């Protein structure tokens, strides 16, 4: 069946209908579902191009959003397309993972080939960003002067089947050091893990406000200082809670708040997207470790397959994980004199492509 691919900019209502209709025929990740995509577009007021692969009847076979921006580079801005991102650092703070095409599960190879052909025909870009994609994504087959993996990150996870096989003793699966830290923290709080409660729609606003408050001053470049990011997380929760795609957890020890977690649920995996922890009560207290241990127990008891910390090289994620996957961030470049000179300078001075 011949496929065609075009770029357009449909209105939001039409885009939502098309995206959700195709979603039902795809195996796409949570990050490619309309719950995420729609919340992102609405929270940041974005209008990227729509890349649509269609069949002979005009039905959608694959969809993707393409942001177009002049992105800063070593020798000056370069016209850049971004897959399911805007190209604006502020609007891309939500940090997409498991990125790719939203494609009909029965026609994924054909859809990828048609999308590649459409991107190759488009002449208004010199670089293409493929952020948070699985290794071996077919989009890397796009004809190019060079393909550079600018970052690769583990996705640390907990195998919840292994937790259940250990009769719920998650700590027995961890290193002696991690096990000891969590056990000391549990003992310091009376000998039991903190309790986990899930938000209702009425809880979203105050709990998100608590997350923003607890995260103040924790990072030099703090997404929670951005009202648009807070609005995005609240919108995600409001749209995802009713169908069980998103869960907002509050972890408490008696009257004490230990922390809050935002998790996504998709295909048997609970993914921790955002967290906020109370300040430690003492040297032995580990609010972050306790919150994640409580979440592991919560989701193991509900029969899920894995608890994911999503992409990140943080030491605590590695210490709490029992398995891992990998995601990659690529830049695909066409020939241009400026990029050729930049590549030469990077080789000479051994400067990384992400600089």
C-alpha atoms as a PDB file:
ATOM      1  CA  UNK A   1       0.000   0.000   0.000  1.00  0.00           C
ATOM      2  CA  UNK A   2       1.559   3.352  -1.021  1.00  0.00           C
ATOM      3  CA  UNK A   3       2.008   5.874   1.778  1.00  0.00           C
ATOM      4  CA  UNK A   4       2.324   9.634   1.566  1.00  0.00           C
ATOM      5  CA  UNK A   5       3.811  12.057   4.097  1.00  0.00           C
ATOM      6  CA  UNK A   6       3.150  15.772   4.396  1.00  0.00           C
ATOM      7  CA  UNK A   7       3.634  18.665   6.802  1.00  0.00           C
ATOM      8  CA  UNK A   8       0.752  20.833   7.983  1.00  0.00           C
ATOM      9  CA  UNK A   9      -0.496  22.777  10.987  1.00  0.00           C
ATOM     10  CA  UNK A  10      -4.053  21.661  11.825  1.00  0.00           C
ATOM     11  CA  UNK A  11      -6.093  23.336  14.544  1.00  0.00           C
ATOM     12  CA  UNK A  12      -5.834  21.857  18.039  1.00  0.00           C
ATOM     13  CA  UNK A  13      -9.218  20.141  18.034  1.00  0.00           C
ATOM     14  CA  UNK A  14      -8.532  18.384  14.722  1.00  0.00           C
ATOM     15  CA  UNK A  15      -5.053  17.391  15.880  1.00  0.00           C
ATOM     16  CA  UNK A  16      -6.455  15.904  19.093  1.00  0.00           C
ATOM     17  CA  UNK A  17      -9.007  13.815  17.194  1.00  0.00           C
ATOM     18  CA  UNK A  18      -6.443  12.485  14.735  1.00  0.00           C
ATOM     19  CA  UNK A  19      -3.834  11.796  17.410  1.00  0.00           C
ATOM     20  CA  UNK A  20      -6.193   9.931  19.707  1.00  0.00           C
ATOM     21  CA  UNK A  21      -7.661   7.883  16.858  1.00  0.00           C
ATOM     22  CA  UNK A  22      -4.202   6.704  15.799  1.00  0.00           C
ATOM     23  CA  UNK A  23      -3.135   6.197  19.413  1.00  0.00           C
ATOM     24  CA  UNK A  24      -5.684   3.403  19.698  1.00  0.00           C
ATOM     25  CA  UNK A  25      -3.886   1.521  16.876  1.00  0.00           C
ATOM     26  CA  UNK A  26      -0.342   2.078  18.129  1.00  0.00           C
ATOM     27  CA  UNK A  27       2.072   0.664  20.683  1.00  0.00           C
ATOM     28  CA  UNK A  28       3.466   4.118  21.449  1.00  0.00           C
ATOM     29  CA  UNK A  29       4.964   5.083  24.792  1.00  0.00           C
ATOM     30  CA  UNK A  30       3.171   7.237  27.345  1.00  0.00           C
ATOM     31  CA  UNK A  31       5.197  10.202  26.093  1.00  0.00           C
ATOM     32  CA  UNK A  32       3.553   9.879  22.671  1.00  0.00           C
ATOM     33  CA  UNK A  33      -0.008   9.676  23.993  1.00  0.00           C
ATOM     34  CA  UNK A  34      -2.301  12.672  23.833  1.00  0.00           C
ATOM     35  CA  UNK A  35      -2.315  12.957  27.627  1.00  0.00           C
ATOM     36  CA  UNK A  36       1.337  14.062  27.432  1.00  0.00           C
ATOM     37  CA  UNK A  37       1.315  15.726  24.000  1.00  0.00           C
ATOM     38  CA  UNK A  38      -1.881  17.708  24.551  1.00  0.00           C
ATOM     39  CA  UNK A  39      -0.842  18.896  28.020  1.00  0.00           C
ATOM     40  CA  UNK A  40       2.518  20.024  26.638  1.00  0.00           C
ATOM     41  CA  UNK A  41       1.010  21.942  23.725  1.00  0.00           C
ATOM     42  CA  UNK A  42      -1.636  23.613  25.880  1.00  0.00           C
ATOM     43  CA  UNK A  43       0.667  24.499  28.776  1.00  0.00           C
ATOM     44  CA  UNK A  44       3.238  26.218  26.580  1.00  0.00           C
ATOM     45  CA  UNK A  45       0.970  27.546  23.800  1.00  0.00           C
ATOM     46  CA  UNK A  46       2.894  25.699  21.088  1.00  0.00           C
ATOM     47  CA  UNK A  47       2.005  25.209  17.418  1.00  0.00           C
ATOM     48  CA  UNK A  48       4.653  22.930  15.856  1.00  0.00           C
ATOM     49  CA  UNK A  49       4.260  21.405  12.412  1.00  0.00           C
ATOM     50  CA  UNK A  50       2.490  18.075  12.093  1.00  0.00           C
ATOM     51  CA  UNK A  51       4.255  15.389  10.084  1.00  0.00           C
ATOM     52  CA  UNK A  52       1.513  13.023   8.920  1.00  0.00           C
ATOM     53  CA  UNK A  53       2.002   9.745   7.074  1.00  0.00           C
ATOM     54  CA  UNK A  54      -1.244   8.703   5.397  1.00  0.00           C
ATOM     55  CA  UNK A  55      -2.483   5.780   3.332  1.00  0.00           C
ATOM     56  CA  UNK A  56      -4.289   5.875  -0.011  1.00  0.00           C
ATOM     57  CA  UNK A  57      -7.592   6.764   1.657  1.00  0.00           C
ATOM     58  CA  UNK A  58      -6.109   9.660   3.620  1.00  0.00           C
ATOM     59  CA  UNK A  59      -6.145   7.746   6.898  1.00  0.00           C
ATOM     60  CA  UNK A  60      -3.317   8.444   9.350  1.00  0.00           C
ATOM     61  CA  UNK A  61      -0.606   5.773   9.587  1.00  0.00           C
ATOM     62  CA  UNK A  62       1.940   7.822  11.587  1.00  0.00           C
ATOM     63  CA  UNK A  63       2.061  11.248  13.229  1.00  0.00           C
ATOM     64  CA  UNK A  64       4.807  13.360  14.792  1.00  0.00           C
ATOM     65  CA  UNK A  65       5.229  16.980  15.808  1.00  0.00           C
ATOM     66  CA  UNK A  66       8.220  18.875  14.454  1.00  0.00           C
ATOM     67  CA  UNK A  67       9.430  22.029  16.159  1.00  0.00           C
ATOM     68  CA  UNK A  68      11.435  24.433  13.973  1.00  0.00           C
ATOM     69  CA  UNK A  69      13.882  26.861  15.568  1.00  0.00           C
ATOM     70  CA  UNK A  70      17.219  28.576  15.047  1.00  0.00           C
ATOM     71  CA  UNK A  71      19.256  26.747  17.640  1.00  0.00           C
ATOM     72  CA  UNK A  72      22.553  28.123  18.978  1.00  0.00           C
ATOM     73  CA  UNK A  73      25.675  26.306  17.800  1.00  0.00           C
ATOM     74  CA  UNK A  74      29.392  26.873  18.064  1.00  0.00           C
ATOM     75  CA  UNK A  75      29.565  29.143  14.988  1.00  0.00           C
ATOM     76  CA  UNK A  76      26.084  30.647  15.196  1.00  0.00           C
ATOM     77  CA  UNK A  77      22.421  29.607  15.025  1.00  0.00           C
ATOM     78  CA  UNK A  78      21.409  26.715  12.779  1.00  0.00           C
ATOM     79  CA  UNK A  79      17.925  25.922  11.412  1.00  0.00           C
ATOM     80  CA  UNK A  80      16.916  22.867  13.423  1.00  0.00           C
ATOM     81  CA  UNK A  81      13.950  20.514  13.504  1.00  0.00           C
ATOM     82  CA  UNK A  82      13.104  18.745  16.786  1.00  0.00           C
ATOM     83  CA  UNK A  83      11.071  15.545  16.987  1.00  0.00           C
ATOM     84  CA  UNK A  84       8.092  16.070  19.321  1.00  0.00           C
ATOM     85  CA  UNK A  85       9.890  19.028  20.872  1.00  0.00           C
ATOM     86  CA  UNK A  86       9.750  22.749  20.148  1.00  0.00           C
ATOM     87  CA  UNK A  87      13.435  23.672  20.002  1.00  0.00           C
ATOM     88  CA  UNK A  88      12.832  26.293  22.725  1.00  0.00           C
ATOM     89  CA  UNK A  89      14.673  25.192  25.908  1.00  0.00           C
ATOM     90  CA  UNK A  90      11.995  26.668  28.173  1.00  0.00           C
ATOM     91  CA  UNK A  91       9.162  24.854  26.385  1.00  0.00           C
ATOM     92  CA  UNK A  92      11.174  21.610  26.255  1.00  0.00           C
ATOM     93  CA  UNK A  93      11.662  21.495  30.034  1.00  0.00           C
ATOM     94  CA  UNK A  94       9.128  18.636  30.281  1.00  0.00           C
ATOM     95  CA  UNK A  95      11.908  16.446  28.775  1.00  0.00           C
ATOM     96  CA  UNK A  96      10.358  13.844  26.515  1.00  0.00           C
ATOM     97  CA  UNK A  97      11.548  10.229  26.721  1.00  0.00           C
ATOM     98  CA  UNK A  98      10.760   7.085  24.704  1.00  0.00           C
ATOM     99  CA  UNK A  99      10.329   9.442  21.756  1.00  0.00           C
ATOM    100  CA  UNK A 100       9.535   8.476  18.173  1.00  0.00           C
ATOM    101  CA  UNK A 101       6.689   8.314  15.690  1.00  0.00           C
ATOM    102  CA  UNK A 102       3.145   7.632  16.795  1.00  0.00           C
ATOM    103  CA  UNK A 103       2.578   4.821  14.288  1.00  0.00           C
ATOM    104  CA  UNK A 104       0.050   2.153  13.414  1.00  0.00           C
ATOM    105  CA  UNK A 105       1.485  -1.022  14.932  1.00  0.00           C
ATOM    106  CA  UNK A 106       0.863  -2.950  11.702  1.00  0.00           C
ATOM    107  CA  UNK A 107       2.783  -0.487   9.488  1.00  0.00           C
ATOM    108  CA  UNK A 108       5.677   0.805  11.560  1.00  0.00           C
ATOM    109  CA  UNK A 109       8.547   0.092   9.099  1.00  0.00           C
ATOM    110  CA  UNK A 110       6.610   1.496   6.144  1.00  0.00           C
ATOM    111  CA  UNK A 111       5.569   4.566   8.142  1.00  0.00           C
ATOM    112  CA  UNK A 112       9.155   5.251   9.204  1.00  0.00           C
ATOM    113  CA  UNK A 113      10.335   5.042   5.590  1.00  0.00           C
ATOM    114  CA  UNK A 114       7.661   7.509   4.456  1.00  0.00           C
ATOM    115  CA  UNK A 115       8.497   9.918   7.298  1.00  0.00           C
ATOM    116  CA  UNK A 116      12.203   9.765   6.422  1.00  0.00           C
ATOM    117  CA  UNK A 117      11.400  10.546   2.789  1.00  0.00           C
ATOM    118  CA  UNK A 118       9.324  13.579   3.832  1.00  0.00           C
ATOM    119  CA  UNK A 119      12.080  14.888   6.096  1.00  0.00           C
ATOM    120  CA  UNK A 120      14.617  14.412   3.312  1.00  0.00           C
ATOM    121  CA  UNK A 121      12.440  16.458   0.933  1.00  0.00           C
ATOM    122  CA  UNK A 122      12.059  19.325   3.378  1.00  0.00           C
ATOM    123  CA  UNK A 123      14.767  21.912   2.682  1.00  0.00           C
ATOM    124  CA  UNK A 124      14.421  24.412   5.538  1.00  0.00           C
ATOM    125  CA  UNK A 125      16.633  22.632   8.082  1.00  0.00           C
ATOM    126  CA  UNK A 126      20.295  21.792   8.586  1.00  0.00           C
ATOM    127  CA  UNK A 127      20.024  19.747  11.802  1.00  0.00           C
ATOM    128  CA  UNK A 128      17.447  17.363  13.246  1.00  0.00           C
ATOM    129  CA  UNK A 129      17.222  16.603  16.980  1.00  0.00           C
ATOM    130  CA  UNK A 130      16.022  13.145  18.006  1.00  0.00           C
ATOM    131  CA  UNK A 131      15.758  13.355  21.777  1.00  0.00           C
ATOM    132  CA  UNK A 132      15.089  10.463  24.146  1.00  0.00           C
ATOM    133  CA  UNK A 133      14.829   7.754  21.472  1.00  0.00           C
ATOM    134  CA  UNK A 134      15.419   4.043  21.856  1.00  0.00           C
ATOM    135  CA  UNK A 135      18.698   2.674  20.464  1.00  0.00           C
ATOM    136  CA  UNK A 136      18.403   1.773  16.800  1.00  0.00           C
ATOM    137  CA  UNK A 137      15.516   4.099  16.020  1.00  0.00           C
ATOM    138  CA  UNK A 138      14.757   3.807  12.285  1.00  0.00           C
ATOM    139  CA  UNK A 139      14.756   7.607  11.960  1.00  0.00           C
ATOM    140  CA  UNK A 140      18.555   7.454  12.060  1.00  0.00           C
ATOM    141  CA  UNK A 141      18.361   6.022   8.534  1.00  0.00           C
ATOM    142  CA  UNK A 142      17.657   9.544   7.287  1.00  0.00           C
ATOM    143  CA  UNK A 143      20.293  10.488   4.663  1.00  0.00           C
ATOM    144  CA  UNK A 144      22.754  12.794   6.387  1.00  0.00           C
ATOM    145  CA  UNK A 145      26.261  14.182   6.402  1.00  0.00           C
ATOM    146  CA  UNK A 146      26.756  13.039   9.989  1.00  0.00           C
ATOM    147  CA  UNK A 147      24.868  11.519  12.897  1.00  0.00           C
ATOM    148  CA  UNK A 148      26.097  12.324  16.388  1.00  0.00           C
ATOM    149  CA  UNK A 149      24.938  10.745  19.627  1.00  0.00           C
ATOM    150  CA  UNK A 150      25.211  13.740  21.946  1.00  0.00           C
ATOM    151  CA  UNK A 151      24.073  11.832  25.034  1.00  0.00           C
ATOM    152  CA  UNK A 152      23.039   8.386  26.211  1.00  0.00           C
ATOM    153  CA  UNK A 153      21.403   7.681  29.516  1.00  0.00           C
ATOM    154  CA  UNK A 154      20.460   4.603  31.493  1.00  0.00           C
ATOM    155  CA  UNK A 155      16.835   4.194  32.495  1.00  0.00           C
ATOM    156  CA  UNK A 156      17.141   2.555  35.896  1.00  0.00           C
ATOM    157  CA  UNK A 157      14.212   0.340  36.945  1.00  0.00           C
ATOM    158  CA  UNK A 158      13.020  -2.051  39.626  1.00  0.00           C
ATOM    159  CA  UNK A 159      11.784  -5.466  38.496  1.00  0.00           C
ATOM    160  CA  UNK A 160       8.574  -5.790  40.506  1.00  0.00           C
ATOM    161  CA  UNK A 161       8.204  -9.474  39.610  1.00  0.00           C
ATOM    162  CA  UNK A 162      11.510 -10.011  41.429  1.00  0.00           C
ATOM    163  CA  UNK A 163      10.167  -8.062  44.412  1.00  0.00           C
ATOM    164  CA  UNK A 164       7.119 -10.297  44.566  1.00  0.00           C
ATOM    165  CA  UNK A 165       9.310 -13.396  44.172  1.00  0.00           C
ATOM    166  CA  UNK A 166      11.226 -12.181  47.230  1.00  0.00           C
ATOM    167  CA  UNK A 167       7.904 -12.095  49.149  1.00  0.00           C
ATOM    168  CA  UNK A 168       7.925  -8.308  48.968  1.00  0.00           C
ATOM    169  CA  UNK A 169      11.419  -7.922  50.423  1.00  0.00           C
ATOM    170  CA  UNK A 170      12.624  -5.289  47.951  1.00  0.00           C
ATOM    171  CA  UNK A 171      15.615  -4.361  50.110  1.00  0.00           C
ATOM    172  CA  UNK A 172      17.050  -7.884  49.774  1.00  0.00           C
ATOM    173  CA  UNK A 173      17.586  -7.144  46.061  1.00  0.00           C
ATOM    174  CA  UNK A 174      19.757  -4.089  46.714  1.00  0.00           C
ATOM    175  CA  UNK A 175      23.397  -3.650  47.626  1.00  0.00           C
ATOM    176  CA  UNK A 176      24.404  -3.927  51.273  1.00  0.00           C
ATOM    177  CA  UNK A 177      25.021  -0.168  51.465  1.00  0.00           C
ATOM    178  CA  UNK A 178      21.631   0.830  50.001  1.00  0.00           C
ATOM    179  CA  UNK A 179      19.877  -1.784  52.106  1.00  0.00           C
ATOM    180  CA  UNK A 180      21.567  -0.504  55.242  1.00  0.00           C
ATOM    181  CA  UNK A 181      20.712   3.155  54.564  1.00  0.00           C
ATOM    182  CA  UNK A 182      17.037   2.434  54.004  1.00  0.00           C
ATOM    183  CA  UNK A 183      16.754   0.097  56.988  1.00  0.00           C
ATOM    184  CA  UNK A 184      18.344   2.701  59.283  1.00  0.00           C
ATOM    185  CA  UNK A 185      15.937   5.328  57.981  1.00  0.00           C
ATOM    186  CA  UNK A 186      12.958   3.000  58.527  1.00  0.00           C
ATOM    187  CA  UNK A 187      14.114   2.186  62.057  1.00  0.00           C
ATOM    188  CA  UNK A 188      14.597   5.886  62.794  1.00  0.00           C
ATOM    189  CA  UNK A 189      10.950   6.465  61.837  1.00  0.00           C
ATOM    190  CA  UNK A 190       9.533   3.732  64.045  1.00  0.00           C
ATOM    191  CA  UNK A 191      10.207   0.585  62.048  1.00  0.00           C
ATOM    192  CA  UNK A 192       7.749   0.851  59.137  1.00  0.00           C
ATOM    193  CA  UNK A 193       7.777   2.328  55.656  1.00  0.00           C
ATOM    194  CA  UNK A 194       5.858   5.597  55.271  1.00  0.00           C
ATOM    195  CA  UNK A 195       2.271   5.383  54.038  1.00  0.00           C
ATOM    196  CA  UNK A 196       1.282   6.139  50.447  1.00  0.00           C
ATOM    197  CA  UNK A 197      -1.901   7.979  49.471  1.00  0.00           C
ATOM    198  CA  UNK A 198      -3.046   8.743  45.922  1.00  0.00           C
ATOM    199  CA  UNK A 199      -4.443  12.140  44.954  1.00  0.00           C
ATOM    200  CA  UNK A 200      -7.964  12.868  43.881  1.00  0.00           C
ATOM    201  CA  UNK A 201      -8.693  15.681  41.425  1.00  0.00           C
ATOM    202  CA  UNK A 202      -9.299  18.027  44.375  1.00  0.00           C
ATOM    203  CA  UNK A 203      -5.806  17.294  45.730  1.00  0.00           C
ATOM    204  CA  UNK A 204      -3.888  18.249  42.579  1.00  0.00           C
ATOM    205  CA  UNK A 205      -3.576  22.000  43.128  1.00  0.00           C
ATOM    206  CA  UNK A 206      -2.397  21.915  46.771  1.00  0.00           C
ATOM    207  CA  UNK A 207      -0.129  18.896  46.246  1.00  0.00           C
ATOM    208  CA  UNK A 208       1.543  20.435  43.188  1.00  0.00           C
ATOM    209  CA  UNK A 209       2.036  23.611  45.215  1.00  0.00           C
ATOM    210  CA  UNK A 210       3.734  21.492  47.907  1.00  0.00           C
ATOM    211  CA  UNK A 211       6.021  19.964  45.271  1.00  0.00           C
ATOM    212  CA  UNK A 212       7.044  23.398  44.014  1.00  0.00           C
ATOM    213  CA  UNK A 213       7.687  24.570  47.593  1.00  0.00           C
ATOM    214  CA  UNK A 214       9.780  21.529  48.526  1.00  0.00           C
ATOM    215  CA  UNK A 215      11.862  21.868  45.357  1.00  0.00           C
ATOM    216  CA  UNK A 216      12.715  25.540  45.918  1.00  0.00           C
ATOM    217  CA  UNK A 217      16.468  26.026  46.125  1.00  0.00           C
ATOM    218  CA  UNK A 218      17.237  22.372  45.392  1.00  0.00           C
ATOM    219  CA  UNK A 219      18.682  22.913  41.901  1.00  0.00           C
ATOM    220  CA  UNK A 220      20.573  25.684  40.131  1.00  0.00           C
ATOM    221  CA  UNK A 221      18.269  25.437  37.115  1.00  0.00           C
ATOM    222  CA  UNK A 222      14.977  24.478  38.731  1.00  0.00           C
ATOM    223  CA  UNK A 223      12.054  23.645  36.452  1.00  0.00           C
ATOM    224  CA  UNK A 224       9.684  24.161  39.387  1.00  0.00           C
ATOM    225  CA  UNK A 225      10.533  27.872  39.389  1.00  0.00           C
ATOM    226  CA  UNK A 226       8.794  28.125  35.994  1.00  0.00           C
ATOM    227  CA  UNK A 227       5.005  28.669  36.267  1.00  0.00           C
ATOM    228  CA  UNK A 228       4.517  27.032  32.856  1.00  0.00           C
ATOM    229  CA  UNK A 229       6.190  23.829  34.070  1.00  0.00           C
ATOM    230  CA  UNK A 230       4.048  23.756  37.227  1.00  0.00           C
ATOM    231  CA  UNK A 231       0.980  24.290  35.026  1.00  0.00           C
ATOM    232  CA  UNK A 232       2.109  21.452  32.759  1.00  0.00           C
ATOM    233  CA  UNK A 233       2.472  18.963  35.639  1.00  0.00           C
ATOM    234  CA  UNK A 234      -0.902  19.990  37.070  1.00  0.00           C
ATOM    235  CA  UNK A 235      -2.537  19.648  33.647  1.00  0.00           C
ATOM    236  CA  UNK A 236      -0.998  16.205  33.171  1.00  0.00           C
ATOM    237  CA  UNK A 237      -2.329  15.104  36.545  1.00  0.00           C
ATOM    238  CA  UNK A 238      -5.817  16.511  35.908  1.00  0.00           C
ATOM    239  CA  UNK A 239      -6.061  14.780  32.525  1.00  0.00           C
ATOM    240  CA  UNK A 240      -4.327  11.541  33.494  1.00  0.00           C
ATOM    241  CA  UNK A 241      -5.809  10.754  36.915  1.00  0.00           C
ATOM    242  CA  UNK A 242      -9.329   9.810  35.772  1.00  0.00           C
ATOM    243  CA  UNK A 243      -8.079   7.117  33.376  1.00  0.00           C
ATOM    244  CA  UNK A 244      -5.240   5.898  35.613  1.00  0.00           C
ATOM    245  CA  UNK A 245      -2.471   7.095  33.276  1.00  0.00           C
ATOM    246  CA  UNK A 246      -1.042   9.477  35.880  1.00  0.00           C
ATOM    247  CA  UNK A 247      -0.854   9.130  39.644  1.00  0.00           C
ATOM    248  CA  UNK A 248       0.160  11.730  42.208  1.00  0.00           C
ATOM    249  CA  UNK A 249       1.334  10.119  45.445  1.00  0.00           C
ATOM    250  CA  UNK A 250       1.738  11.686  48.879  1.00  0.00           C
ATOM    251  CA  UNK A 251       4.050   9.787  51.219  1.00  0.00           C
ATOM    252  CA  UNK A 252       3.600  10.463  54.941  1.00  0.00           C
ATOM    253  CA  UNK A 253       4.837   9.256  58.320  1.00  0.00           C
ATOM    254  CA  UNK A 254       2.043  10.037  60.743  1.00  0.00           C
ATOM    255  CA  UNK A 255       1.459  13.770  60.388  1.00  0.00           C
ATOM    256  CA  UNK A 256       4.863  14.328  58.756  1.00  0.00           C
ATOM    257  CA  UNK A 257       5.118  14.794  54.991  1.00  0.00           C
ATOM    258  CA  UNK A 258       7.998  12.690  53.639  1.00  0.00           C
ATOM    259  CA  UNK A 259       7.555  13.488  49.949  1.00  0.00           C
ATOM    260  CA  UNK A 260       5.434  13.490  46.810  1.00  0.00           C
ATOM    261  CA  UNK A 261       5.802  11.606  43.543  1.00  0.00           C
ATOM    262  CA  UNK A 262       4.260  12.021  40.081  1.00  0.00           C
ATOM    263  CA  UNK A 263       4.164   8.727  38.197  1.00  0.00           C
ATOM    264  CA  UNK A 264       2.963   7.657  34.759  1.00  0.00           C
ATOM    265  CA  UNK A 265       1.393   4.242  34.194  1.00  0.00           C
ATOM    266  CA  UNK A 266       1.734   2.526  30.835  1.00  0.00           C
ATOM    267  CA  UNK A 267       1.845  -1.114  29.779  1.00  0.00           C
ATOM    268  CA  UNK A 268       2.495  -2.415  33.289  1.00  0.00           C
ATOM    269  CA  UNK A 269       5.225   0.112  34.129  1.00  0.00           C
ATOM    270  CA  UNK A 270       5.008   2.886  36.737  1.00  0.00           C
ATOM    271  CA  UNK A 271       7.399   5.677  35.761  1.00  0.00           C
ATOM    272  CA  UNK A 272       8.485   8.233  38.355  1.00  0.00           C
ATOM    273  CA  UNK A 273       8.499  11.530  36.474  1.00  0.00           C
ATOM    274  CA  UNK A 274       8.809  14.123  39.252  1.00  0.00           C
ATOM    275  CA  UNK A 275       9.494  14.035  42.963  1.00  0.00           C
ATOM    276  CA  UNK A 276       9.739  16.358  45.951  1.00  0.00           C
ATOM    277  CA  UNK A 277      11.081  15.414  49.349  1.00  0.00           C
ATOM    278  CA  UNK A 278      10.971  16.950  52.805  1.00  0.00           C
ATOM    279  CA  UNK A 279      14.227  17.979  54.434  1.00  0.00           C
ATOM    280  CA  UNK A 280      15.849  15.127  56.415  1.00  0.00           C
ATOM    281  CA  UNK A 281      14.954  15.095  60.116  1.00  0.00           C
ATOM    282  CA  UNK A 282      18.418  13.907  61.038  1.00  0.00           C
ATOM    283  CA  UNK A 283      21.608  12.195  59.853  1.00  0.00           C
ATOM    284  CA  UNK A 284      19.889   8.815  59.425  1.00  0.00           C
ATOM    285  CA  UNK A 285      16.792  10.114  57.663  1.00  0.00           C
ATOM    286  CA  UNK A 286      16.577   9.522  53.899  1.00  0.00           C
ATOM    287  CA  UNK A 287      13.222  10.920  52.690  1.00  0.00           C
ATOM    288  CA  UNK A 288      13.968  10.271  49.008  1.00  0.00           C
ATOM    289  CA  UNK A 289      14.977   6.657  49.505  1.00  0.00           C
ATOM    290  CA  UNK A 290      11.996   6.059  51.770  1.00  0.00           C
ATOM    291  CA  UNK A 291       9.551   7.523  49.236  1.00  0.00           C
ATOM    292  CA  UNK A 292      10.851   5.336  46.435  1.00  0.00           C
ATOM    293  CA  UNK A 293      10.912   2.221  48.625  1.00  0.00           C
ATOM    294  CA  UNK A 294       7.315   2.935  49.625  1.00  0.00           C
ATOM    295  CA  UNK A 295       6.357   3.426  45.961  1.00  0.00           C
ATOM    296  CA  UNK A 296       7.998   0.111  45.015  1.00  0.00           C
ATOM    297  CA  UNK A 297       5.935  -1.667  47.689  1.00  0.00           C
ATOM    298  CA  UNK A 298       2.807   0.181  46.521  1.00  0.00           C
ATOM    299  CA  UNK A 299       3.206  -0.840  42.880  1.00  0.00           C
ATOM    300  CA  UNK A 300       4.457  -4.373  43.562  1.00  0.00           C
ATOM    301  CA  UNK A 301       1.282  -4.900  45.568  1.00  0.00           C
ATOM    302  CA  UNK A 302      -0.802  -3.725  42.613  1.00  0.00           C
ATOM    303  CA  UNK A 303       0.755  -6.261  40.249  1.00  0.00           C
ATOM    304  CA  UNK A 304       2.713  -3.923  37.986  1.00  0.00           C
ATOM    305  CA  UNK A 305       5.793  -5.268  36.187  1.00  0.00           C
ATOM    306  CA  UNK A 306       8.341  -2.497  36.763  1.00  0.00           C
ATOM    307  CA  UNK A 307       8.977   0.750  38.611  1.00  0.00           C
ATOM    308  CA  UNK A 308      11.072   3.081  36.472  1.00  0.00           C
ATOM    309  CA  UNK A 309      13.134   6.091  37.525  1.00  0.00           C
ATOM    310  CA  UNK A 310      13.200   7.244  33.869  1.00  0.00           C
ATOM    311  CA  UNK A 311      16.374   8.548  32.241  1.00  0.00           C
ATOM    312  CA  UNK A 312      19.130   9.904  34.436  1.00  0.00           C
ATOM    313  CA  UNK A 313      22.602   9.086  35.662  1.00  0.00           C
ATOM    314  CA  UNK A 314      21.899   9.966  39.299  1.00  0.00           C
ATOM    315  CA  UNK A 315      23.637   7.710  41.756  1.00  0.00           C
ATOM    316  CA  UNK A 316      20.496   7.154  43.830  1.00  0.00           C
ATOM    317  CA  UNK A 317      18.647   5.777  40.781  1.00  0.00           C
ATOM    318  CA  UNK A 318      21.393   3.256  40.170  1.00  0.00           C
ATOM    319  CA  UNK A 319      21.489   2.263  43.853  1.00  0.00           C
ATOM    320  CA  UNK A 320      17.736   1.592  43.944  1.00  0.00           C
ATOM    321  CA  UNK A 321      17.479  -0.244  40.603  1.00  0.00           C
ATOM    322  CA  UNK A 322      17.569  -3.943  39.796  1.00  0.00           C
ATOM    323  CA  UNK A 323      17.582  -3.604  35.972  1.00  0.00           C
ATOM    324  CA  UNK A 324      17.958  -0.924  33.310  1.00  0.00           C
ATOM    325  CA  UNK A 325      17.289   0.167  29.732  1.00  0.00           C
ATOM    326  CA  UNK A 326      18.917   2.896  27.642  1.00  0.00           C
ATOM    327  CA  UNK A 327      17.799   6.008  25.777  1.00  0.00           C
ATOM    328  CA  UNK A 328      19.785   8.192  23.385  1.00  0.00           C
ATOM    329  CA  UNK A 329      19.863  11.776  22.149  1.00  0.00           C
ATOM    330  CA  UNK A 330      20.983  12.294  18.553  1.00  0.00           C
ATOM    331  CA  UNK A 331      21.637  15.190  16.197  1.00  0.00           C
ATOM    332  CA  UNK A 332      21.425  14.419  12.475  1.00  0.00           C
ATOM    333  CA  UNK A 333      23.130  17.014  10.266  1.00  0.00           C
ATOM    334  CA  UNK A 334      22.989  17.864   6.600  1.00  0.00           C
ATOM    335  CA  UNK A 335      25.925  19.320   4.729  1.00  0.00           C
ATOM    336  CA  UNK A 336      26.545  23.027   5.251  1.00  0.00           C
ATOM    337  CA  UNK A 337      29.852  24.925   5.210  1.00  0.00           C
ATOM    338  CA  UNK A 338      29.241  26.234   8.733  1.00  0.00           C
ATOM    339  CA  UNK A 339      28.597  22.788  10.186  1.00  0.00           C
ATOM    340  CA  UNK A 340      31.577  21.351   8.323  1.00  0.00           C
ATOM    341  CA  UNK A 341      33.812  24.004   9.864  1.00  0.00           C
ATOM    342  CA  UNK A 342      32.261  23.391  13.284  1.00  0.00           C
ATOM    343  CA  UNK A 343      32.915  19.655  12.976  1.00  0.00           C
ATOM    344  CA  UNK A 344      36.533  20.330  12.027  1.00  0.00           C
ATOM    345  CA  UNK A 345      36.999  22.641  15.020  1.00  0.00           C
ATOM    346  CA  UNK A 346      35.476  20.075  17.362  1.00  0.00           C
ATOM    347  CA  UNK A 347      37.883  17.431  16.090  1.00  0.00           C
ATOM    348  CA  UNK A 348      40.825  19.782  16.516  1.00  0.00           C
ATOM    349  CA  UNK A 349      39.891  20.862  20.025  1.00  0.00           C
ATOM    350  CA  UNK A 350      38.099  17.623  20.971  1.00  0.00           C
ATOM    351  CA  UNK A 351      35.030  19.549  22.006  1.00  0.00           C
ATOM    352  CA  UNK A 352      31.847  17.448  22.476  1.00  0.00           C
ATOM    353  CA  UNK A 353      28.981  17.951  20.026  1.00  0.00           C
ATOM    354  CA  UNK A 354      26.622  18.930  22.821  1.00  0.00           C
ATOM    355  CA  UNK A 355      28.777  21.944  23.772  1.00  0.00           C
END
